[in-house]
């Protein structure tokens, strides 16, 4: 009788063993400590601060800043123009915090400014029946609107002074102390503002912010 070969090329057991040897299991990933996870979440929240600003304001800042600052090379004319641009964009952040919106029965979105009495509509066709309007008194101004307006300005300034064109415009040759302040202060202010946004949430969906159903 002929002896049966062991561990031949067609033996499924040998294939699995050779495959295991050729593809060893990956090494275990190092686990992050609690402090490392907290730092990572803090940096991620600070990097996403721009998402808390109105979309139109952020887009205008990204498009107009290189033009107004001449790519960071400001002179006697472009310097004041850049300052005025930043002031107008900061004001737009404040104004957007005092706006809100609602969906009509037809599915269209209408915007308005919040007042102490309710919502003052700016794009609603008043020729329609007033019965279609929701209760506008529930949209009246609250204390959180003022808090969000202040925080929005602070976040906009953080985003602005993290931009290299703005820094080069106002501080073309910063000293060591000034450079440290410009590097550390925006991160600290941004972290505090992001925490305050969590503490004081808002349900408004004003101009420049996404609208949910």
N, C-alpha and C. Protein backbone atom coordinates (compact mmCIF):
# COMPACT_ATOMS: atom_id res chain seq x y z
N UNK A 1 0.84 -1.20 0.00
CA UNK A 1 0.00 0.00 0.00
C UNK A 1 0.86 1.24 0.00
N UNK A 2 0.45 2.23 -0.70
CA UNK A 2 1.21 3.48 -0.79
C UNK A 2 0.81 4.39 0.37
N UNK A 3 1.81 5.01 0.95
CA UNK A 3 1.55 5.91 2.09
C UNK A 3 0.94 7.21 1.59
N UNK A 4 -0.02 7.70 2.31
CA UNK A 4 -0.71 8.94 1.93
C UNK A 4 0.16 10.14 2.30
N UNK A 5 0.40 11.04 1.36
CA UNK A 5 1.26 12.21 1.68
C UNK A 5 0.58 13.12 2.69
N UNK A 6 1.39 13.73 3.52
CA UNK A 6 0.91 14.64 4.56
C UNK A 6 1.27 16.09 4.22
N UNK A 7 0.26 16.95 4.45
CA UNK A 7 0.56 18.39 4.27
C UNK A 7 0.86 18.77 2.85
N UNK A 8 0.13 18.18 1.90
CA UNK A 8 0.34 18.49 0.51
C UNK A 8 -0.11 19.89 0.17
N UNK A 9 0.07 20.22 -1.09
CA UNK A 9 -0.29 21.58 -1.54
C UNK A 9 -1.78 21.78 -1.54
N UNK A 10 -2.56 20.68 -1.69
CA UNK A 10 -4.01 20.78 -1.73
C UNK A 10 -4.66 20.56 -0.38
N UNK A 11 -3.88 20.42 0.65
CA UNK A 11 -4.42 20.18 1.99
C UNK A 11 -4.95 21.49 2.56
N UNK A 12 -6.26 21.60 2.86
CA UNK A 12 -6.80 22.87 3.36
C UNK A 12 -6.21 23.27 4.69
N UNK A 13 -5.79 22.27 5.48
CA UNK A 13 -5.19 22.62 6.77
C UNK A 13 -3.88 23.33 6.60
N UNK A 14 -3.09 22.85 5.60
CA UNK A 14 -1.80 23.51 5.38
C UNK A 14 -1.99 24.91 4.84
N UNK A 15 -3.08 25.14 4.02
CA UNK A 15 -3.32 26.48 3.49
C UNK A 15 -3.65 27.46 4.60
N UNK A 16 -4.47 27.02 5.55
CA UNK A 16 -4.85 27.94 6.62
C UNK A 16 -3.68 28.26 7.52
N UNK A 17 -2.83 27.23 7.76
CA UNK A 17 -1.69 27.49 8.63
C UNK A 17 -0.68 28.40 7.95
N UNK A 18 -0.46 28.17 6.62
CA UNK A 18 0.47 29.03 5.91
C UNK A 18 -0.06 30.44 5.79
N UNK A 19 -1.43 30.56 5.62
CA UNK A 19 -2.02 31.89 5.54
C UNK A 19 -1.88 32.64 6.85
N UNK A 20 -2.02 31.92 7.98
CA UNK A 20 -1.85 32.58 9.27
C UNK A 20 -0.43 33.05 9.48
N UNK A 21 0.55 32.24 8.96
CA UNK A 21 1.94 32.65 9.10
C UNK A 21 2.25 33.83 8.20
N UNK A 22 1.65 33.86 6.99
CA UNK A 22 1.94 34.95 6.07
C UNK A 22 1.27 36.25 6.50
N UNK A 23 0.10 36.18 7.16
CA UNK A 23 -0.62 37.36 7.59
C UNK A 23 -0.78 37.33 9.12
N UNK A 24 0.25 37.73 9.82
CA UNK A 24 0.14 37.72 11.29
C UNK A 24 -0.86 38.76 11.75
N UNK A 25 -1.47 38.53 12.89
CA UNK A 25 -2.47 39.50 13.40
C UNK A 25 -1.81 40.85 13.67
N UNK A 26 -2.55 41.96 13.39
CA UNK A 26 -1.96 43.30 13.62
C UNK A 26 -1.71 43.54 15.10
N UNK A 27 -0.70 44.32 15.40
CA UNK A 27 -0.41 44.61 16.81
C UNK A 27 -1.53 45.44 17.43
N UNK A 28 -1.80 45.27 18.69
CA UNK A 28 -2.87 46.05 19.33
C UNK A 28 -2.56 47.54 19.33
N UNK A 29 -3.61 48.34 19.08
CA UNK A 29 -3.45 49.79 19.05
C UNK A 29 -3.29 50.33 20.48
N UNK A 30 -2.38 51.28 20.66
CA UNK A 30 -2.21 51.85 22.00
C UNK A 30 -3.45 52.62 22.43
N UNK A 31 -3.87 52.41 23.65
CA UNK A 31 -5.03 53.08 24.18
C UNK A 31 -4.66 54.47 24.68
N UNK A 32 -5.50 55.47 24.32
CA UNK A 32 -5.27 56.83 24.77
C UNK A 32 -5.74 56.99 26.22
N UNK A 33 -4.99 57.76 26.95
CA UNK A 33 -5.38 58.04 28.31
C UNK A 33 -6.53 59.04 28.33
N UNK A 34 -7.09 59.24 29.51
CA UNK A 34 -8.20 60.18 29.64
C UNK A 34 -7.75 61.60 29.30
N UNK A 35 -6.55 61.96 29.72
CA UNK A 35 -6.04 63.30 29.43
C UNK A 35 -5.82 63.50 27.94
N UNK A 36 -5.30 62.47 27.26
CA UNK A 36 -5.07 62.59 25.81
C UNK A 36 -6.38 62.70 25.06
N UNK A 37 -7.40 61.93 25.47
CA UNK A 37 -8.70 62.04 24.81
C UNK A 37 -9.32 63.41 25.04
N UNK A 38 -9.16 63.96 26.24
CA UNK A 38 -9.70 65.29 26.51
C UNK A 38 -9.01 66.35 25.67
N UNK A 39 -7.68 66.24 25.53
CA UNK A 39 -6.95 67.21 24.72
C UNK A 39 -7.36 67.10 23.25
N UNK A 40 -7.55 65.88 22.76
CA UNK A 40 -7.95 65.69 21.36
C UNK A 40 -9.33 66.29 21.12
N UNK A 41 -10.26 66.06 22.03
CA UNK A 41 -11.60 66.63 21.87
C UNK A 41 -11.57 68.15 21.96
N UNK A 42 -10.71 68.69 22.82
CA UNK A 42 -10.60 70.15 22.95
C UNK A 42 -10.07 70.77 21.67
N UNK A 43 -9.02 70.17 21.10
CA UNK A 43 -8.46 70.70 19.86
C UNK A 43 -9.45 70.56 18.71
N UNK A 44 -10.20 69.47 18.68
CA UNK A 44 -11.18 69.30 17.61
C UNK A 44 -12.29 70.33 17.72
N UNK A 45 -12.76 70.60 18.94
CA UNK A 45 -13.82 71.60 19.10
C UNK A 45 -13.32 72.99 18.77
N UNK A 46 -12.06 73.29 19.11
CA UNK A 46 -11.50 74.59 18.77
C UNK A 46 -11.32 74.75 17.27
N UNK A 47 -10.95 73.66 16.58
CA UNK A 47 -10.77 73.73 15.14
C UNK A 47 -12.08 73.91 14.40
N UNK A 48 -13.19 73.46 15.01
CA UNK A 48 -14.50 73.55 14.37
C UNK A 48 -15.29 74.76 14.82
N UNK A 49 -14.61 75.77 15.38
CA UNK A 49 -15.32 76.96 15.84
C UNK A 49 -15.98 77.71 14.69
N UNK A 50 -15.39 77.61 13.50
CA UNK A 50 -15.96 78.33 12.36
C UNK A 50 -17.36 77.86 12.04
N UNK A 51 -17.70 76.61 12.43
CA UNK A 51 -19.05 76.12 12.17
C UNK A 51 -20.11 76.83 12.99
N UNK A 52 -19.70 77.55 14.04
CA UNK A 52 -20.65 78.29 14.88
C UNK A 52 -20.95 79.67 14.33
N UNK A 53 -20.29 80.05 13.23
CA UNK A 53 -20.51 81.37 12.63
C UNK A 53 -21.49 81.25 11.47
N UNK A 54 -22.16 82.36 11.12
CA UNK A 54 -23.03 82.33 9.93
C UNK A 54 -22.24 81.98 8.68
N UNK A 55 -22.86 81.18 7.83
CA UNK A 55 -22.15 80.71 6.63
C UNK A 55 -21.75 81.86 5.72
N UNK A 56 -22.65 82.83 5.52
CA UNK A 56 -22.33 83.95 4.64
C UNK A 56 -21.20 84.80 5.18
N UNK A 57 -21.16 85.01 6.48
CA UNK A 57 -20.08 85.80 7.08
C UNK A 57 -18.74 85.11 6.91
N UNK A 58 -18.71 83.82 7.16
CA UNK A 58 -17.46 83.08 7.02
C UNK A 58 -17.00 83.05 5.57
N UNK A 59 -17.93 82.87 4.63
CA UNK A 59 -17.56 82.86 3.22
C UNK A 59 -17.04 84.22 2.78
N UNK A 60 -17.69 85.30 3.23
CA UNK A 60 -17.21 86.64 2.88
C UNK A 60 -15.82 86.90 3.46
N UNK A 61 -15.59 86.43 4.66
CA UNK A 61 -14.26 86.60 5.27
C UNK A 61 -13.19 85.87 4.47
N UNK A 62 -13.47 84.64 4.07
CA UNK A 62 -12.47 83.86 3.33
C UNK A 62 -12.22 84.44 1.94
N UNK A 63 -13.23 85.04 1.33
CA UNK A 63 -13.06 85.58 -0.01
C UNK A 63 -12.45 86.97 -0.02
N UNK A 64 -12.85 87.82 0.93
CA UNK A 64 -12.45 89.22 0.89
C UNK A 64 -11.16 89.53 1.64
N UNK A 65 -10.82 88.71 2.61
CA UNK A 65 -9.62 89.01 3.40
C UNK A 65 -8.35 89.03 2.55
N UNK A 66 -8.09 88.05 1.68
CA UNK A 66 -6.88 88.16 0.86
C UNK A 66 -6.88 89.38 -0.05
N UNK A 67 -8.05 89.83 -0.49
CA UNK A 67 -8.11 90.99 -1.38
C UNK A 67 -7.85 92.28 -0.61
N UNK A 68 -8.53 92.44 0.54
CA UNK A 68 -8.39 93.67 1.31
C UNK A 68 -7.00 93.81 1.92
N UNK A 69 -6.39 92.70 2.31
CA UNK A 69 -5.07 92.76 2.94
C UNK A 69 -3.93 92.66 1.94
N UNK A 70 -4.24 92.52 0.66
CA UNK A 70 -3.20 92.32 -0.36
C UNK A 70 -2.31 91.14 0.01
N UNK A 71 -2.97 90.05 0.42
CA UNK A 71 -2.28 88.82 0.84
C UNK A 71 -1.33 89.07 2.00
N UNK A 72 -1.77 89.92 2.92
CA UNK A 72 -0.99 90.18 4.13
C UNK A 72 -0.05 91.36 4.05
N UNK A 73 0.01 92.05 2.93
CA UNK A 73 0.92 93.20 2.76
C UNK A 73 0.09 94.48 2.77
N UNK A 74 -0.33 94.91 3.94
CA UNK A 74 -1.17 96.09 4.06
C UNK A 74 -0.33 97.36 4.01
N UNK A 75 -0.96 98.43 3.54
CA UNK A 75 -0.32 99.74 3.53
C UNK A 75 -1.26 100.72 4.22
N UNK A 76 -1.04 102.01 4.01
CA UNK A 76 -1.84 103.03 4.69
C UNK A 76 -3.30 103.01 4.25
N UNK A 77 -3.60 102.45 3.07
CA UNK A 77 -4.97 102.41 2.58
C UNK A 77 -5.65 101.10 2.92
N UNK A 78 -4.97 99.98 2.68
CA UNK A 78 -5.60 98.68 2.90
C UNK A 78 -5.72 98.32 4.38
N UNK A 79 -4.89 98.89 5.22
CA UNK A 79 -4.99 98.61 6.65
C UNK A 79 -6.32 99.05 7.25
N UNK A 80 -6.71 100.34 7.10
CA UNK A 80 -8.02 100.76 7.60
C UNK A 80 -9.17 100.05 6.89
N UNK A 81 -9.03 99.76 5.62
CA UNK A 81 -10.09 99.04 4.92
C UNK A 81 -10.29 97.64 5.50
N UNK A 82 -9.21 96.98 5.84
CA UNK A 82 -9.32 95.66 6.45
C UNK A 82 -9.98 95.75 7.82
N UNK A 83 -9.65 96.79 8.59
CA UNK A 83 -10.27 96.96 9.90
C UNK A 83 -11.78 97.18 9.75
N UNK A 84 -12.18 98.00 8.78
CA UNK A 84 -13.61 98.23 8.55
C UNK A 84 -14.30 96.95 8.11
N UNK A 85 -13.64 96.16 7.27
CA UNK A 85 -14.22 94.89 6.83
C UNK A 85 -14.45 93.96 8.02
N UNK A 86 -13.48 93.85 8.90
CA UNK A 86 -13.64 92.98 10.07
C UNK A 86 -14.75 93.48 10.98
N UNK A 87 -14.87 94.82 11.12
CA UNK A 87 -15.93 95.38 11.95
C UNK A 87 -17.31 95.07 11.36
N UNK A 88 -17.44 95.19 10.05
CA UNK A 88 -18.73 94.89 9.40
C UNK A 88 -19.09 93.41 9.52
N UNK A 89 -18.10 92.55 9.36
CA UNK A 89 -18.37 91.12 9.47
C UNK A 89 -18.72 90.73 10.91
N UNK A 90 -18.07 91.38 11.88
CA UNK A 90 -18.42 91.12 13.28
C UNK A 90 -19.85 91.58 13.57
N UNK A 91 -20.23 92.73 13.00
CA UNK A 91 -21.61 93.20 13.18
C UNK A 91 -22.61 92.24 12.55
N UNK A 92 -22.26 91.65 11.42
CA UNK A 92 -23.16 90.69 10.79
C UNK A 92 -23.33 89.45 11.66
N UNK A 93 -22.28 89.06 12.41
CA UNK A 93 -22.42 87.93 13.34
C UNK A 93 -23.40 88.27 14.45
N UNK A 94 -23.34 89.52 14.94
CA UNK A 94 -24.27 89.94 15.98
C UNK A 94 -25.69 89.98 15.44
N UNK A 95 -25.88 90.56 14.27
CA UNK A 95 -27.22 90.67 13.69
C UNK A 95 -27.83 89.30 13.42
N UNK A 96 -27.00 88.34 12.98
CA UNK A 96 -27.53 87.02 12.66
C UNK A 96 -28.02 86.29 13.91
N UNK A 97 -27.47 86.63 15.07
CA UNK A 97 -27.91 85.98 16.31
C UNK A 97 -29.30 86.44 16.74
N UNK A 98 -29.77 87.54 16.19
CA UNK A 98 -31.09 88.06 16.53
C UNK A 98 -32.08 87.82 15.39
N UNK A 99 -31.87 86.77 14.62
CA UNK A 99 -32.78 86.37 13.56
C UNK A 99 -33.26 84.95 13.82
N UNK A 100 -34.40 84.63 13.25
CA UNK A 100 -34.95 83.29 13.38
C UNK A 100 -35.79 83.00 12.14
N UNK A 101 -36.27 81.78 12.03
CA UNK A 101 -37.02 81.38 10.84
C UNK A 101 -38.08 80.35 11.22
N UNK A 102 -39.03 80.18 10.33
CA UNK A 102 -40.04 79.14 10.48
C UNK A 102 -40.47 78.68 9.10
N UNK A 103 -41.08 77.51 9.05
CA UNK A 103 -41.58 76.95 7.80
C UNK A 103 -43.08 77.15 7.71
N UNK A 104 -43.51 77.67 6.58
CA UNK A 104 -44.93 77.87 6.35
C UNK A 104 -45.60 76.54 6.00
N UNK A 105 -46.93 76.49 6.00
CA UNK A 105 -47.60 75.24 5.59
C UNK A 105 -47.25 74.79 4.18
N UNK A 106 -46.81 75.74 3.33
CA UNK A 106 -46.42 75.37 1.96
C UNK A 106 -44.99 74.81 1.90
N UNK A 107 -44.27 74.84 3.03
CA UNK A 107 -42.91 74.31 3.06
C UNK A 107 -41.82 75.32 2.82
N UNK A 108 -42.16 76.59 2.58
CA UNK A 108 -41.15 77.61 2.37
C UNK A 108 -40.68 78.16 3.71
N UNK A 109 -39.44 78.58 3.74
CA UNK A 109 -38.81 79.10 4.96
C UNK A 109 -38.87 80.62 4.93
N UNK A 110 -39.31 81.23 6.02
CA UNK A 110 -39.40 82.68 6.16
C UNK A 110 -38.56 83.13 7.34
N UNK A 111 -37.86 84.25 7.15
CA UNK A 111 -36.94 84.77 8.15
C UNK A 111 -37.48 86.07 8.75
N UNK A 112 -36.96 86.39 9.92
CA UNK A 112 -37.34 87.63 10.58
C UNK A 112 -36.38 87.94 11.71
N UNK A 113 -36.50 89.16 12.25
CA UNK A 113 -35.68 89.60 13.38
C UNK A 113 -36.49 89.41 14.66
N UNK A 114 -35.80 88.92 15.69
CA UNK A 114 -36.47 88.73 16.98
C UNK A 114 -36.53 90.06 17.71
N UNK A 115 -37.66 90.33 18.35
CA UNK A 115 -37.86 91.53 19.15
C UNK A 115 -38.34 91.10 20.53
N UNK A 116 -38.58 92.08 21.37
CA UNK A 116 -39.08 91.78 22.71
C UNK A 116 -40.52 91.28 22.69
N UNK A 117 -41.22 91.48 21.57
CA UNK A 117 -42.61 91.05 21.47
C UNK A 117 -42.79 89.79 20.62
N UNK A 118 -41.81 89.48 19.78
CA UNK A 118 -41.94 88.32 18.93
C UNK A 118 -41.02 88.41 17.73
N UNK A 119 -41.44 87.82 16.63
CA UNK A 119 -40.64 87.78 15.41
C UNK A 119 -41.18 88.79 14.41
N UNK A 120 -40.28 89.69 13.96
CA UNK A 120 -40.64 90.68 12.95
C UNK A 120 -40.21 90.14 11.59
N UNK A 121 -41.20 89.72 10.78
CA UNK A 121 -40.91 89.07 9.51
C UNK A 121 -40.41 90.06 8.48
N UNK A 122 -39.49 89.61 7.65
CA UNK A 122 -38.92 90.49 6.63
C UNK A 122 -39.19 89.96 5.21
N UNK A 123 -39.67 88.74 5.07
CA UNK A 123 -39.88 88.20 3.73
C UNK A 123 -41.18 87.41 3.64
N UNK A 124 -42.14 87.73 4.47
CA UNK A 124 -43.41 87.00 4.43
C UNK A 124 -44.43 87.78 3.61
N UNK A 125 -45.13 87.13 2.67
CA UNK A 125 -46.14 87.82 1.87
C UNK A 125 -47.39 88.12 2.71
N UNK A 126 -47.52 89.35 3.16
CA UNK A 126 -48.62 89.71 4.05
C UNK A 126 -49.97 89.71 3.33
N UNK A 127 -49.97 89.54 2.04
CA UNK A 127 -51.25 89.44 1.33
C UNK A 127 -51.96 88.12 1.62
N UNK A 128 -51.17 87.11 2.10
CA UNK A 128 -51.78 85.83 2.44
C UNK A 128 -52.59 85.96 3.73
N UNK A 129 -53.33 84.94 4.00
CA UNK A 129 -54.17 84.95 5.20
C UNK A 129 -53.29 84.93 6.43
N UNK A 130 -53.62 85.80 7.40
CA UNK A 130 -52.83 85.85 8.61
C UNK A 130 -53.00 84.58 9.45
N UNK A 131 -54.03 83.80 9.16
CA UNK A 131 -54.23 82.56 9.92
C UNK A 131 -53.11 81.55 9.67
N UNK A 132 -52.38 81.71 8.57
CA UNK A 132 -51.30 80.78 8.27
C UNK A 132 -50.06 81.05 9.12
N UNK A 133 -50.00 82.19 9.77
CA UNK A 133 -48.84 82.52 10.59
C UNK A 133 -48.86 81.72 11.88
N UNK A 134 -47.69 81.24 12.32
CA UNK A 134 -47.64 80.59 13.63
C UNK A 134 -47.67 81.63 14.74
N UNK A 135 -47.60 81.19 15.95
CA UNK A 135 -47.56 82.09 17.09
C UNK A 135 -46.18 82.74 17.15
N UNK A 136 -46.09 83.99 16.68
CA UNK A 136 -44.81 84.67 16.60
C UNK A 136 -44.29 85.13 17.96
N UNK A 137 -45.13 85.13 18.98
CA UNK A 137 -44.67 85.57 20.29
C UNK A 137 -43.67 84.61 20.92
N UNK A 138 -43.68 83.35 20.48
CA UNK A 138 -42.74 82.39 21.06
C UNK A 138 -41.31 82.59 20.54
N UNK A 139 -41.15 83.45 19.54
CA UNK A 139 -39.83 83.74 19.01
C UNK A 139 -39.22 85.01 19.62
N UNK A 140 -39.79 85.54 20.67
CA UNK A 140 -39.32 86.81 21.21
C UNK A 140 -37.90 86.69 21.76
N UNK A 141 -37.25 87.83 21.91
CA UNK A 141 -35.86 87.89 22.32
C UNK A 141 -35.68 87.31 23.72
N UNK A 142 -34.57 86.57 23.88
CA UNK A 142 -34.23 85.98 25.17
C UNK A 142 -32.81 86.38 25.56
N UNK A 143 -32.47 86.11 26.82
CA UNK A 143 -31.13 86.46 27.31
C UNK A 143 -30.05 85.66 26.59
N UNK A 144 -30.37 84.43 26.18
CA UNK A 144 -29.37 83.63 25.48
C UNK A 144 -29.01 84.23 24.12
N UNK A 145 -29.90 85.03 23.54
CA UNK A 145 -29.56 85.68 22.27
C UNK A 145 -28.42 86.67 22.45
N UNK A 146 -28.44 87.40 23.56
CA UNK A 146 -27.36 88.35 23.84
C UNK A 146 -26.05 87.60 24.10
N UNK A 147 -26.15 86.50 24.84
CA UNK A 147 -24.94 85.70 25.12
C UNK A 147 -24.36 85.16 23.83
N UNK A 148 -25.20 84.65 22.94
CA UNK A 148 -24.72 84.11 21.68
C UNK A 148 -24.15 85.20 20.78
N UNK A 149 -24.69 86.40 20.85
CA UNK A 149 -24.15 87.49 20.05
C UNK A 149 -22.73 87.83 20.50
N UNK A 150 -22.51 87.89 21.81
CA UNK A 150 -21.16 88.18 22.32
C UNK A 150 -20.20 87.06 21.97
N UNK A 151 -20.66 85.82 22.14
CA UNK A 151 -19.80 84.68 21.83
C UNK A 151 -19.48 84.61 20.34
N UNK A 152 -20.44 84.97 19.49
CA UNK A 152 -20.19 84.93 18.04
C UNK A 152 -19.12 85.93 17.64
N UNK A 153 -19.15 87.12 18.25
CA UNK A 153 -18.12 88.11 17.96
C UNK A 153 -16.75 87.61 18.42
N UNK A 154 -16.71 87.01 19.61
CA UNK A 154 -15.44 86.49 20.11
C UNK A 154 -14.90 85.39 19.21
N UNK A 155 -15.78 84.49 18.76
CA UNK A 155 -15.34 83.41 17.89
C UNK A 155 -14.88 83.95 16.54
N UNK A 156 -15.58 84.97 16.03
CA UNK A 156 -15.15 85.56 14.77
C UNK A 156 -13.76 86.18 14.91
N UNK A 157 -13.52 86.86 16.02
CA UNK A 157 -12.19 87.44 16.23
C UNK A 157 -11.12 86.36 16.36
N UNK A 158 -11.49 85.23 16.98
CA UNK A 158 -10.54 84.12 17.06
C UNK A 158 -10.20 83.61 15.68
N UNK A 159 -11.23 83.41 14.85
CA UNK A 159 -10.99 82.94 13.48
C UNK A 159 -10.19 83.98 12.69
N UNK A 160 -10.50 85.25 12.88
CA UNK A 160 -9.82 86.30 12.13
C UNK A 160 -8.34 86.37 12.50
N UNK A 161 -8.04 86.30 13.79
CA UNK A 161 -6.66 86.45 14.21
C UNK A 161 -5.90 85.14 14.22
N UNK A 162 -6.49 84.10 13.65
CA UNK A 162 -5.75 82.90 13.31
C UNK A 162 -5.44 82.86 11.81
N UNK A 163 -5.89 83.88 11.09
CA UNK A 163 -5.64 83.97 9.65
C UNK A 163 -4.30 84.66 9.42
N UNK A 164 -3.49 84.07 8.58
CA UNK A 164 -2.14 84.61 8.38
C UNK A 164 -2.15 85.96 7.69
N UNK A 165 -3.15 86.21 6.82
CA UNK A 165 -3.21 87.50 6.15
C UNK A 165 -3.55 88.62 7.12
N UNK A 166 -4.47 88.36 8.04
CA UNK A 166 -4.83 89.38 9.03
C UNK A 166 -3.67 89.64 9.97
N UNK A 167 -2.99 88.58 10.40
CA UNK A 167 -1.84 88.75 11.30
C UNK A 167 -0.74 89.54 10.61
N UNK A 168 -0.45 89.20 9.36
CA UNK A 168 0.61 89.91 8.64
C UNK A 168 0.24 91.36 8.36
N UNK A 169 -1.08 91.63 8.27
CA UNK A 169 -1.53 92.99 8.00
C UNK A 169 -1.34 93.89 9.21
N UNK A 170 -1.81 93.43 10.37
CA UNK A 170 -1.76 94.27 11.57
C UNK A 170 -0.47 94.10 12.36
N UNK A 171 0.18 92.97 12.24
CA UNK A 171 1.44 92.72 12.96
C UNK A 171 2.46 92.15 11.96
N UNK A 172 3.02 93.00 11.11
CA UNK A 172 3.96 92.48 10.10
C UNK A 172 5.24 91.91 10.71
N UNK A 173 5.69 92.47 11.83
CA UNK A 173 6.90 91.97 12.49
C UNK A 173 6.65 91.91 13.99
N UNK A 174 5.87 90.94 14.45
CA UNK A 174 5.54 90.89 15.88
C UNK A 174 6.73 90.47 16.72
N UNK A 175 6.80 91.04 17.91
CA UNK A 175 7.84 90.64 18.83
C UNK A 175 7.54 89.28 19.43
N UNK A 176 8.46 88.82 20.28
CA UNK A 176 8.29 87.49 20.85
C UNK A 176 7.05 87.43 21.75
N UNK A 177 6.85 88.45 22.59
CA UNK A 177 5.69 88.45 23.48
C UNK A 177 4.39 88.56 22.69
N UNK A 178 4.38 89.42 21.68
CA UNK A 178 3.17 89.55 20.85
C UNK A 178 2.86 88.27 20.11
N UNK A 179 3.89 87.60 19.62
CA UNK A 179 3.68 86.35 18.90
C UNK A 179 3.12 85.27 19.83
N UNK A 180 3.57 85.24 21.07
CA UNK A 180 3.04 84.28 22.03
C UNK A 180 1.57 84.55 22.33
N UNK A 181 1.22 85.84 22.48
CA UNK A 181 -0.18 86.19 22.74
C UNK A 181 -1.06 85.80 21.56
N UNK A 182 -0.59 86.08 20.34
CA UNK A 182 -1.38 85.76 19.15
C UNK A 182 -1.52 84.25 18.94
N UNK A 183 -0.62 83.47 19.50
CA UNK A 183 -0.68 82.02 19.34
C UNK A 183 -1.52 81.35 20.42
N UNK A 184 -1.48 81.91 21.63
CA UNK A 184 -2.13 81.25 22.77
C UNK A 184 -3.53 81.80 23.02
N UNK A 185 -3.67 83.13 22.96
CA UNK A 185 -4.96 83.74 23.33
C UNK A 185 -6.12 83.25 22.47
N UNK A 186 -6.01 83.16 21.13
CA UNK A 186 -7.16 82.68 20.37
C UNK A 186 -7.60 81.27 20.74
N UNK A 187 -6.64 80.39 21.06
CA UNK A 187 -7.02 79.02 21.44
C UNK A 187 -7.77 79.03 22.77
N UNK A 188 -7.29 79.81 23.73
CA UNK A 188 -7.97 79.88 25.02
C UNK A 188 -9.35 80.49 24.92
N UNK A 189 -9.46 81.59 24.17
CA UNK A 189 -10.77 82.23 24.01
C UNK A 189 -11.72 81.32 23.25
N UNK A 190 -11.22 80.63 22.24
CA UNK A 190 -12.07 79.72 21.48
C UNK A 190 -12.56 78.56 22.32
N UNK A 191 -11.72 78.03 23.19
CA UNK A 191 -12.14 76.94 24.06
C UNK A 191 -13.23 77.40 25.02
N UNK A 192 -13.04 78.57 25.63
CA UNK A 192 -14.04 79.09 26.57
C UNK A 192 -15.36 79.34 25.85
N UNK A 193 -15.30 79.91 24.65
CA UNK A 193 -16.53 80.18 23.91
C UNK A 193 -17.25 78.91 23.51
N UNK A 194 -16.50 77.89 23.11
CA UNK A 194 -17.14 76.63 22.74
C UNK A 194 -17.81 75.98 23.94
N UNK A 195 -17.21 76.09 25.12
CA UNK A 195 -17.84 75.55 26.33
C UNK A 195 -19.10 76.33 26.67
N UNK A 196 -19.06 77.65 26.51
CA UNK A 196 -20.24 78.46 26.80
C UNK A 196 -21.37 78.18 25.81
N UNK A 197 -21.01 77.85 24.56
CA UNK A 197 -22.04 77.48 23.59
C UNK A 197 -22.74 76.19 24.01
N UNK A 198 -22.00 75.29 24.65
CA UNK A 198 -22.61 74.05 25.13
C UNK A 198 -23.49 74.34 26.34
N UNK A 199 -23.04 75.25 27.21
CA UNK A 199 -23.80 75.56 28.42
C UNK A 199 -25.07 76.33 28.07
N UNK A 200 -24.97 77.24 27.09
CA UNK A 200 -26.12 78.06 26.69
C UNK A 200 -26.51 77.71 25.25
N UNK A 201 -27.16 76.58 25.03
CA UNK A 201 -27.55 76.21 23.66
C UNK A 201 -28.68 77.09 23.16
N UNK A 202 -28.85 77.08 21.86
CA UNK A 202 -29.92 77.84 21.23
C UNK A 202 -30.67 76.96 20.25
N UNK A 203 -31.93 77.26 20.07
CA UNK A 203 -32.76 76.52 19.10
C UNK A 203 -33.11 77.37 17.89
N UNK A 204 -32.50 78.54 17.78
CA UNK A 204 -32.80 79.43 16.65
C UNK A 204 -32.08 78.96 15.39
N UNK A 205 -32.72 79.25 14.26
CA UNK A 205 -32.14 78.95 12.96
C UNK A 205 -32.28 80.20 12.10
N UNK A 206 -31.42 81.16 12.41
CA UNK A 206 -31.51 82.45 11.76
C UNK A 206 -30.83 82.48 10.41
N UNK A 207 -30.63 83.70 9.91
CA UNK A 207 -30.00 83.91 8.62
C UNK A 207 -28.55 83.45 8.69
N UNK A 208 -28.17 82.60 7.75
CA UNK A 208 -26.81 82.09 7.71
C UNK A 208 -26.60 80.80 8.46
N UNK A 209 -27.64 80.30 9.15
CA UNK A 209 -27.53 79.05 9.88
C UNK A 209 -28.45 78.02 9.25
N UNK A 210 -28.12 76.72 9.38
CA UNK A 210 -28.98 75.70 8.77
C UNK A 210 -30.33 75.64 9.43
N UNK A 211 -31.35 75.35 8.64
CA UNK A 211 -32.73 75.27 9.09
C UNK A 211 -33.11 73.82 9.18
N UNK A 212 -33.67 73.42 10.32
CA UNK A 212 -34.16 72.07 10.51
C UNK A 212 -35.67 72.08 10.63
N UNK A 213 -36.26 70.96 10.38
CA UNK A 213 -37.72 70.86 10.44
C UNK A 213 -38.19 70.83 11.88
